[in-house]
PDB file of N, CA and C in Angstrom:
ATOM      1  N   MET A   1     115.283  58.942  -7.340  1.00  0.00           N
ATOM      2  CA  MET A   1     114.036  59.235  -7.017  1.00  0.00           C
ATOM      3  C   MET A   1     113.615  58.300  -5.770  1.00  0.00           C
ATOM      4  N   ASN A   2     112.946  58.407  -4.763  1.00  0.00           N
ATOM      5  CA  ASN A   2     112.543  57.603  -3.992  1.00  0.00           C
ATOM      6  C   ASN A   2     111.809  56.487  -4.288  1.00  0.00           C
ATOM      7  N   ARG A   3     111.981  55.268  -3.940  1.00  0.00           N
ATOM      8  CA  ARG A   3     110.955  54.194  -4.533  1.00  0.00           C
ATOM      9  C   ARG A   3     109.493  54.513  -4.627  1.00  0.00           C
ATOM     10  N   TRP A   4     108.997  55.055  -3.365  1.00  0.00           N
ATOM     11  CA  TRP A   4     107.903  55.126  -3.098  1.00  0.00           C
ATOM     12  C   TRP A   4     107.158  56.102  -3.801  1.00  0.00           C
ATOM     13  N   MET A   5     107.905  57.219  -4.109  1.00  0.00           N
ATOM     14  CA  MET A   5     107.701  58.190  -5.236  1.00  0.00           C
ATOM     15  C   MET A   5     107.767  57.636  -6.510  1.00  0.00           C
ATOM     16  N   GLN A   6     108.395  56.577  -6.710  1.00  0.00           N
ATOM     17  CA  GLN A   6     108.575  56.252  -8.117  1.00  0.00           C
ATOM     18  C   GLN A   6     107.066  55.372  -8.326  1.00  0.00           C
ATOM     19  N   ILE A   7     106.484  54.913  -7.742  1.00  0.00           N
ATOM     20  CA  ILE A   7     105.173  54.093  -7.709  1.00  0.00           C
ATOM     21  C   ILE A   7     104.311  55.220  -7.861  1.00  0.00           C
ATOM     22  N   ALA A   8     104.265  56.148  -7.063  1.00  0.00           N
ATOM     23  CA  ALA A   8     103.450  57.483  -7.285  1.00  0.00           C
ATOM     24  C   ALA A   8     103.406  57.860  -8.590  1.00  0.00           C
ATOM     25  N   TYR A   9     104.434  58.109  -9.192  1.00  0.00           N
ATOM     26  CA  TYR A   9     104.791  58.378 -10.618  1.00  0.00           C
ATOM     27  C   TYR A   9     104.397  57.701 -11.623  1.00  0.00           C
ATOM     28  N   ASP A  10     104.692  56.389 -11.559  1.00  0.00           N
ATOM     29  CA  ASP A  10     104.028  55.422 -12.204  1.00  0.00           C
ATOM     30  C   ASP A  10     102.757  55.174 -12.533  1.00  0.00           C
ATOM     31  N   GLU A  11     102.140  55.293 -11.468  1.00  0.00           N
ATOM     32  CA  GLU A  11     100.683  55.431 -11.087  1.00  0.00           C
ATOM     33  C   GLU A  11      99.861  56.686 -11.950  1.00  0.00           C
ATOM     34  N   ALA A  12     100.940  57.632 -11.815  1.00  0.00           N
ATOM     35  CA  ALA A  12     100.078  59.132 -12.586  1.00  0.00           C
ATOM     36  C   ALA A  12     100.446  59.062 -14.099  1.00  0.00           C
ATOM     37  N   ILE A  13     101.382  58.299 -14.608  1.00  0.00           N
ATOM     38  CA  ILE A  13     101.524  57.943 -15.813  1.00  0.00           C
ATOM     39  C   ILE A  13     100.407  56.953 -16.263  1.00  0.00           C
ATOM     40  N   LYS A  14     100.125  55.922 -15.613  1.00  0.00           N
ATOM     41  CA  LYS A  14      99.093  55.027 -15.931  1.00  0.00           C
ATOM     42  C   LYS A  14      97.925  55.441 -16.046  1.00  0.00           C
ATOM     43  N   GLY A  15      97.458  56.320 -15.264  1.00  0.00           N
ATOM     44  CA  GLY A  15      96.369  57.148 -15.343  1.00  0.00           C
ATOM     45  C   GLY A  15      96.045  57.975 -16.606  1.00  0.00           C
ATOM     46  N   MET A  16      97.156  59.163 -16.757  1.00  0.00           N
ATOM     47  CA  MET A  16      97.224  59.783 -18.002  1.00  0.00           C
ATOM     48  C   MET A  16      97.153  58.881 -19.244  1.00  0.00           C
ATOM     49  N   SER A  17      97.912  57.810 -19.101  1.00  0.00           N
ATOM     50  CA  SER A  17      97.978  57.086 -20.569  1.00  0.00           C
ATOM     51  C   SER A  17      96.476  56.640 -21.222  1.00  0.00           C
ATOM     52  N   ALA A  18      95.781  56.304 -19.604  1.00  0.00           N
ATOM     53  CA  ALA A  18      94.558  55.504 -19.926  1.00  0.00           C
ATOM     54  C   ALA A  18      93.419  56.867 -20.218  1.00  0.00           C
ATOM     55  N   ASN A  19      93.827  58.267 -19.748  1.00  0.00           N
ATOM     56  CA  ASN A  19      92.925  59.086 -20.040  1.00  0.00           C
ATOM     57  C   ASN A  19      91.953  59.040 -19.128  1.00  0.00           C
ATOM     58  N   GLU A  20      92.213  58.635 -17.737  1.00  0.00           N
ATOM     59  CA  GLU A  20      91.537  58.449 -16.816  1.00  0.00           C
ATOM     60  C   GLU A  20      91.274  59.676 -15.633  1.00  0.00           C
ATOM     61  N   GLY A  21      92.338  60.815 -15.944  1.00  0.00           N
ATOM     62  CA  GLY A  21      92.248  61.930 -15.244  1.00  0.00           C
ATOM     63  C   GLY A  21      93.833  62.744 -15.007  1.00  0.00           C
ATOM     64  N   GLY A  22      93.953  63.623 -14.315  1.00  0.00           N
ATOM     65  CA  GLY A  22      95.024  64.320 -14.265  1.00  0.00           C
ATOM     66  C   GLY A  22      96.489  63.738 -13.949  1.00  0.00           C
ATOM     67  N   PRO A  23      97.367  64.235 -14.038  1.00  0.00           N
ATOM     68  CA  PRO A  23      98.745  63.537 -13.963  1.00  0.00           C
ATOM     69  C   PRO A  23      99.082  63.480 -12.469  1.00  0.00           C
ATOM     70  N   PHE A  24      98.486  62.457 -11.705  1.00  0.00           N
ATOM     71  CA  PHE A  24      98.515  62.504 -10.208  1.00  0.00           C
ATOM     72  C   PHE A  24      98.397  61.150  -9.777  1.00  0.00           C
ATOM     73  N   GLY A  25      99.442  60.767  -8.930  1.00  0.00           N
ATOM     74  CA  GLY A  25      99.228  59.254  -8.606  1.00  0.00           C
ATOM     75  C   GLY A  25      99.519  59.280  -6.857  1.00  0.00           C
ATOM     76  N   ALA A  26      99.218  57.930  -5.935  1.00  0.00           N
ATOM     77  CA  ALA A  26      99.393  58.069  -4.556  1.00  0.00           C
ATOM     78  C   ALA A  26      99.620  56.680  -4.248  1.00  0.00           C
ATOM     79  N   VAL A  27     100.369  56.886  -3.375  1.00  0.00           N
ATOM     80  CA  VAL A  27     100.920  55.439  -2.666  1.00  0.00           C
ATOM     81  C   VAL A  27     101.072  55.475  -1.117  1.00  0.00           C
ATOM     82  N   ILE A  28     100.280  54.645  -0.295  1.00  0.00           N
ATOM     83  CA  ILE A  28     100.466  55.120   0.944  1.00  0.00           C
ATOM     84  C   ILE A  28     101.094  53.331   1.535  1.00  0.00           C
ATOM     85  N   VAL A  29     102.051  53.857   2.261  1.00  0.00           N
ATOM     86  CA  VAL A  29     103.208  52.831   2.928  1.00  0.00           C
ATOM     87  C   VAL A  29     102.874  52.682   4.542  1.00  0.00           C
ATOM     88  N   LYS A  30     102.771  51.210   4.772  1.00  0.00           N
ATOM     89  CA  LYS A  30     103.073  51.217   6.394  1.00  0.00           C
ATOM     90  C   LYS A  30     104.109  50.194   6.602  1.00  0.00           C
ATOM     91  N   ASP A  31     105.062  50.409   7.521  1.00  0.00           N
ATOM     92  CA  ASP A  31     105.994  49.359   7.917  1.00  0.00           C
ATOM     93  C   ASP A  31     106.766  48.820   6.747  1.00  0.00           C
ATOM     94  N   GLY A  32     107.076  49.763   5.749  1.00  0.00           N
ATOM     95  CA  GLY A  32     107.644  49.415   4.516  1.00  0.00           C
ATOM     96  C   GLY A  32     106.752  48.305   3.164  1.00  0.00           C
ATOM     97  N   GLU A  33     105.707  48.248   3.647  1.00  0.00           N
ATOM     98  CA  GLU A  33     104.818  47.400   2.639  1.00  0.00           C
ATOM     99  C   GLU A  33     103.728  48.747   2.233  1.00  0.00           C
ATOM    100  N   ILE A  34     103.277  48.462   0.991  1.00  0.00           N
ATOM    101  CA  ILE A  34     102.365  49.073   0.128  1.00  0.00           C
ATOM    102  C   ILE A  34     101.305  48.682   0.668  1.00  0.00           C
ATOM    103  N   LEU A  35      99.944  49.518   1.086  1.00  0.00           N
ATOM    104  CA  LEU A  35      98.836  49.256   1.346  1.00  0.00           C
ATOM    105  C   LEU A  35      98.101  49.439   0.207  1.00  0.00           C
ATOM    106  N   ALA A  36      98.068  50.501  -0.478  1.00  0.00           N
ATOM    107  CA  ALA A  36      97.344  50.853  -1.587  1.00  0.00           C
ATOM    108  C   ALA A  36      98.076  52.076  -2.320  1.00  0.00           C
ATOM    109  N   LYS A  37      97.665  51.893  -3.756  1.00  0.00           N
ATOM    110  CA  LYS A  37      98.099  52.716  -4.809  1.00  0.00           C
ATOM    111  C   LYS A  37      97.202  53.103  -5.526  1.00  0.00           C
ATOM    112  N   ALA A  38      97.421  54.272  -6.314  1.00  0.00           N
ATOM    113  CA  ALA A  38      96.099  54.644  -7.218  1.00  0.00           C
ATOM    114  C   ALA A  38      96.534  55.965  -7.935  1.00  0.00           C
ATOM    115  N   HIS A  39      95.809  56.361  -9.092  1.00  0.00           N
ATOM    116  CA  HIS A  39      95.798  57.362  -9.909  1.00  0.00           C
ATOM    117  C   HIS A  39      94.655  58.290  -9.824  1.00  0.00           C
ATOM    118  N   ASN A  40      94.575  59.531 -10.366  1.00  0.00           N
ATOM    119  CA  ASN A  40      93.361  60.254 -10.451  1.00  0.00           C
ATOM    120  C   ASN A  40      92.309  59.128 -11.496  1.00  0.00           C
ATOM    121  N   ARG A  41      91.035  59.253 -11.085  1.00  0.00           N
ATOM    122  CA  ARG A  41      90.205  58.651 -12.167  1.00  0.00           C
ATOM    123  C   ARG A  41      88.935  59.520 -12.239  1.00  0.00           C
ATOM    124  N   VAL A  42      89.265  60.966 -11.916  1.00  0.00           N
ATOM    125  CA  VAL A  42      88.041  61.978 -12.238  1.00  0.00           C
ATOM    126  C   VAL A  42      87.725  61.756 -13.314  1.00  0.00           C
ATOM    127  N   LEU A  43      88.113  61.720 -14.769  1.00  0.00           N
ATOM    128  CA  LEU A  43      87.458  61.738 -15.958  1.00  0.00           C
ATOM    129  C   LEU A  43      87.062  60.247 -16.307  1.00  0.00           C
ATOM    130  N   ALA A  44      87.583  59.320 -15.503  1.00  0.00           N
ATOM    131  CA  ALA A  44      86.901  57.788 -15.858  1.00  0.00           C
ATOM    132  C   ALA A  44      85.739  57.709 -15.322  1.00  0.00           C
ATOM    133  N   THR A  45      85.523  58.339 -13.937  1.00  0.00           N
ATOM    134  CA  THR A  45      84.370  57.942 -13.417  1.00  0.00           C
ATOM    135  C   THR A  45      83.497  59.173 -13.228  1.00  0.00           C
ATOM    136  N   ASN A  46      83.987  60.049 -13.960  1.00  0.00           N
ATOM    137  CA  ASN A  46      82.902  61.543 -14.168  1.00  0.00           C
ATOM    138  C   ASN A  46      82.533  61.897 -12.455  1.00  0.00           C
ATOM    139  N   ASP A  47      83.352  61.731 -11.345  1.00  0.00           N
ATOM    140  CA  ASP A  47      83.286  62.088 -10.029  1.00  0.00           C
ATOM    141  C   ASP A  47      84.689  62.795  -9.866  1.00  0.00           C
ATOM    142  N   PRO A  48      84.139  64.073  -9.430  1.00  0.00           N
ATOM    143  CA  PRO A  48      85.225  65.296  -9.060  1.00  0.00           C
ATOM    144  C   PRO A  48      86.277  64.763  -7.742  1.00  0.00           C
ATOM    145  N   THR A  49      85.599  63.954  -7.047  1.00  0.00           N
ATOM    146  CA  THR A  49      86.370  63.489  -5.612  1.00  0.00           C
ATOM    147  C   THR A  49      87.257  62.454  -6.082  1.00  0.00           C
ATOM    148  N   ALA A  50      87.246  61.846  -7.450  1.00  0.00           N
ATOM    149  CA  ALA A  50      87.960  60.648  -7.467  1.00  0.00           C
ATOM    150  C   ALA A  50      89.524  60.609  -7.759  1.00  0.00           C
ATOM    151  N   HIS A  51      90.114  61.737  -6.685  1.00  0.00           N
ATOM    152  CA  HIS A  51      91.449  62.021  -6.837  1.00  0.00           C
ATOM    153  C   HIS A  51      92.428  60.877  -6.101  1.00  0.00           C
ATOM    154  N   ALA A  52      93.535  60.748  -6.676  1.00  0.00           N
ATOM    155  CA  ALA A  52      94.083  59.470  -6.127  1.00  0.00           C
ATOM    156  C   ALA A  52      94.678  59.222  -5.050  1.00  0.00           C
ATOM    157  N   GLU A  53      94.668  60.443  -4.215  1.00  0.00           N
ATOM    158  CA  GLU A  53      94.939  60.337  -2.372  1.00  0.00           C
ATOM    159  C   GLU A  53      93.416  59.768  -1.836  1.00  0.00           C
ATOM    160  N   MET A  54      92.354  60.211  -2.334  1.00  0.00           N
ATOM    161  CA  MET A  54      90.985  59.758  -1.969  1.00  0.00           C
ATOM    162  C   MET A  54      91.111  58.247  -2.207  1.00  0.00           C
ATOM    163  N   ILE A  55      91.326  57.983  -3.439  1.00  0.00           N
ATOM    164  CA  ILE A  55      91.182  56.550  -3.676  1.00  0.00           C
ATOM    165  C   ILE A  55      92.069  55.699  -2.889  1.00  0.00           C
ATOM    166  N   ALA A  56      93.291  55.928  -2.562  1.00  0.00           N
ATOM    167  CA  ALA A  56      94.414  55.142  -1.979  1.00  0.00           C
ATOM    168  C   ALA A  56      93.880  55.133  -0.398  1.00  0.00           C
ATOM    169  N   ILE A  57      93.340  56.120   0.175  1.00  0.00           N
ATOM    170  CA  ILE A  57      93.324  56.295   1.447  1.00  0.00           C
ATOM    171  C   ILE A  57      91.922  55.340   1.908  1.00  0.00           C
ATOM    172  N   LYS A  58      90.984  55.290   0.612  1.00  0.00           N
ATOM    173  CA  LYS A  58      89.875  54.392   0.649  1.00  0.00           C
ATOM    174  C   LYS A  58      90.167  53.131   0.638  1.00  0.00           C
ATOM    175  N   GLU A  59      91.186  52.496  -0.042  1.00  0.00           N
ATOM    176  CA  GLU A  59      91.652  51.389  -0.411  1.00  0.00           C
ATOM    177  C   GLU A  59      92.195  50.833   0.663  1.00  0.00           C
ATOM    178  N   ALA A  60      93.320  51.785   1.059  1.00  0.00           N
ATOM    179  CA  ALA A  60      94.320  51.612   2.390  1.00  0.00           C
ATOM    180  C   ALA A  60      93.092  51.156   3.713  1.00  0.00           C
ATOM    181  N   SER A  61      92.212  51.891   3.806  1.00  0.00           N
ATOM    182  CA  SER A  61      91.356  51.679   4.950  1.00  0.00           C
ATOM    183  C   SER A  61      90.629  50.508   5.053  1.00  0.00           C
ATOM    184  N   GLN A  62      90.163  50.082   3.669  1.00  0.00           N
ATOM    185  CA  GLN A  62      89.760  48.640   3.590  1.00  0.00           C
ATOM    186  C   GLN A  62      90.607  47.591   3.873  1.00  0.00           C
ATOM    187  N   VAL A  63      91.820  47.539   3.548  1.00  0.00           N
ATOM    188  CA  VAL A  63      93.117  46.859   3.811  1.00  0.00           C
ATOM    189  C   VAL A  63      93.354  46.665   5.571  1.00  0.00           C
ATOM    190  N   LEU A  64      93.504  47.858   6.218  1.00  0.00           N
ATOM    191  CA  LEU A  64      93.713  47.910   7.379  1.00  0.00           C
ATOM    192  C   LEU A  64      92.230  47.478   8.289  1.00  0.00           C
ATOM    193  N   GLY A  65      91.383  47.651   7.760  1.00  0.00           N
ATOM    194  CA  GLY A  65      90.167  47.492   8.474  1.00  0.00           C
ATOM    195  C   GLY A  65      89.506  48.604   9.230  1.00  0.00           C
ATOM    196  N   THR A  66      90.153  49.640   9.251  1.00  0.00           N
ATOM    197  CA  THR A  66      89.857  51.161   9.935  1.00  0.00           C
ATOM    198  C   THR A  66      90.466  52.363   9.031  1.00  0.00           C
ATOM    199  N   PHE A  67      89.927  53.322   9.601  1.00  0.00           N
ATOM    200  CA  PHE A  67      90.271  54.594   8.984  1.00  0.00           C
ATOM    201  C   PHE A  67      91.152  55.415   9.920  1.00  0.00           C
ATOM    202  N   SER A  68      91.618  54.626  10.742  1.00  0.00           N
ATOM    203  CA  SER A  68      92.809  55.228  11.656  1.00  0.00           C
ATOM    204  C   SER A  68      93.921  54.709  11.585  1.00  0.00           C
ATOM    205  N   ARG A  69      95.257  55.606  11.338  1.00  0.00           N
ATOM    206  CA  ARG A  69      96.542  54.814  11.742  1.00  0.00           C
ATOM    207  C   ARG A  69      96.613  53.697  12.594  1.00  0.00           C
ATOM    208  N   SER A  70      96.148  54.008  13.573  1.00  0.00           N
ATOM    209  CA  SER A  70      96.285  52.889  14.608  1.00  0.00           C
ATOM    210  C   SER A  70      95.247  51.858  14.426  1.00  0.00           C
ATOM    211  N   THR A  71      95.978  50.611  14.785  1.00  0.00           N
ATOM    212  CA  THR A  71      94.694  49.350  14.420  1.00  0.00           C
ATOM    213  C   THR A  71      94.406  49.324  16.055  1.00  0.00           C
ATOM    214  N   SER A  72      94.617  49.604  17.005  1.00  0.00           N
ATOM    215  CA  SER A  72      93.939  49.650  18.361  1.00  0.00           C
ATOM    216  C   SER A  72      93.046  50.524  18.775  1.00  0.00           C
ATOM    217  N   PRO A  73      91.807  50.097  19.455  1.00  0.00           N
ATOM    218  CA  PRO A  73      90.869  50.932  19.737  1.00  0.00           C
ATOM    219  C   PRO A  73      91.053  52.483  20.523  1.00  0.00           C
TER     220      PRO A  73
END
């Protein structure tokens, strides 16, 4: 299994084990570095939008200081 997919899988297992949401994990990588990783937190937060992908995108945007994949204006 690809190492990034293994990290996403591990996140999914982590979320399921904690009963925080369904079996979903996500990882966002740029230039070989992890910007964010997350698992579903729909049950934990009672928020139907708390999907792994959305959480990871929000975290990566904070790390980059932008919502765009490009850091130039």
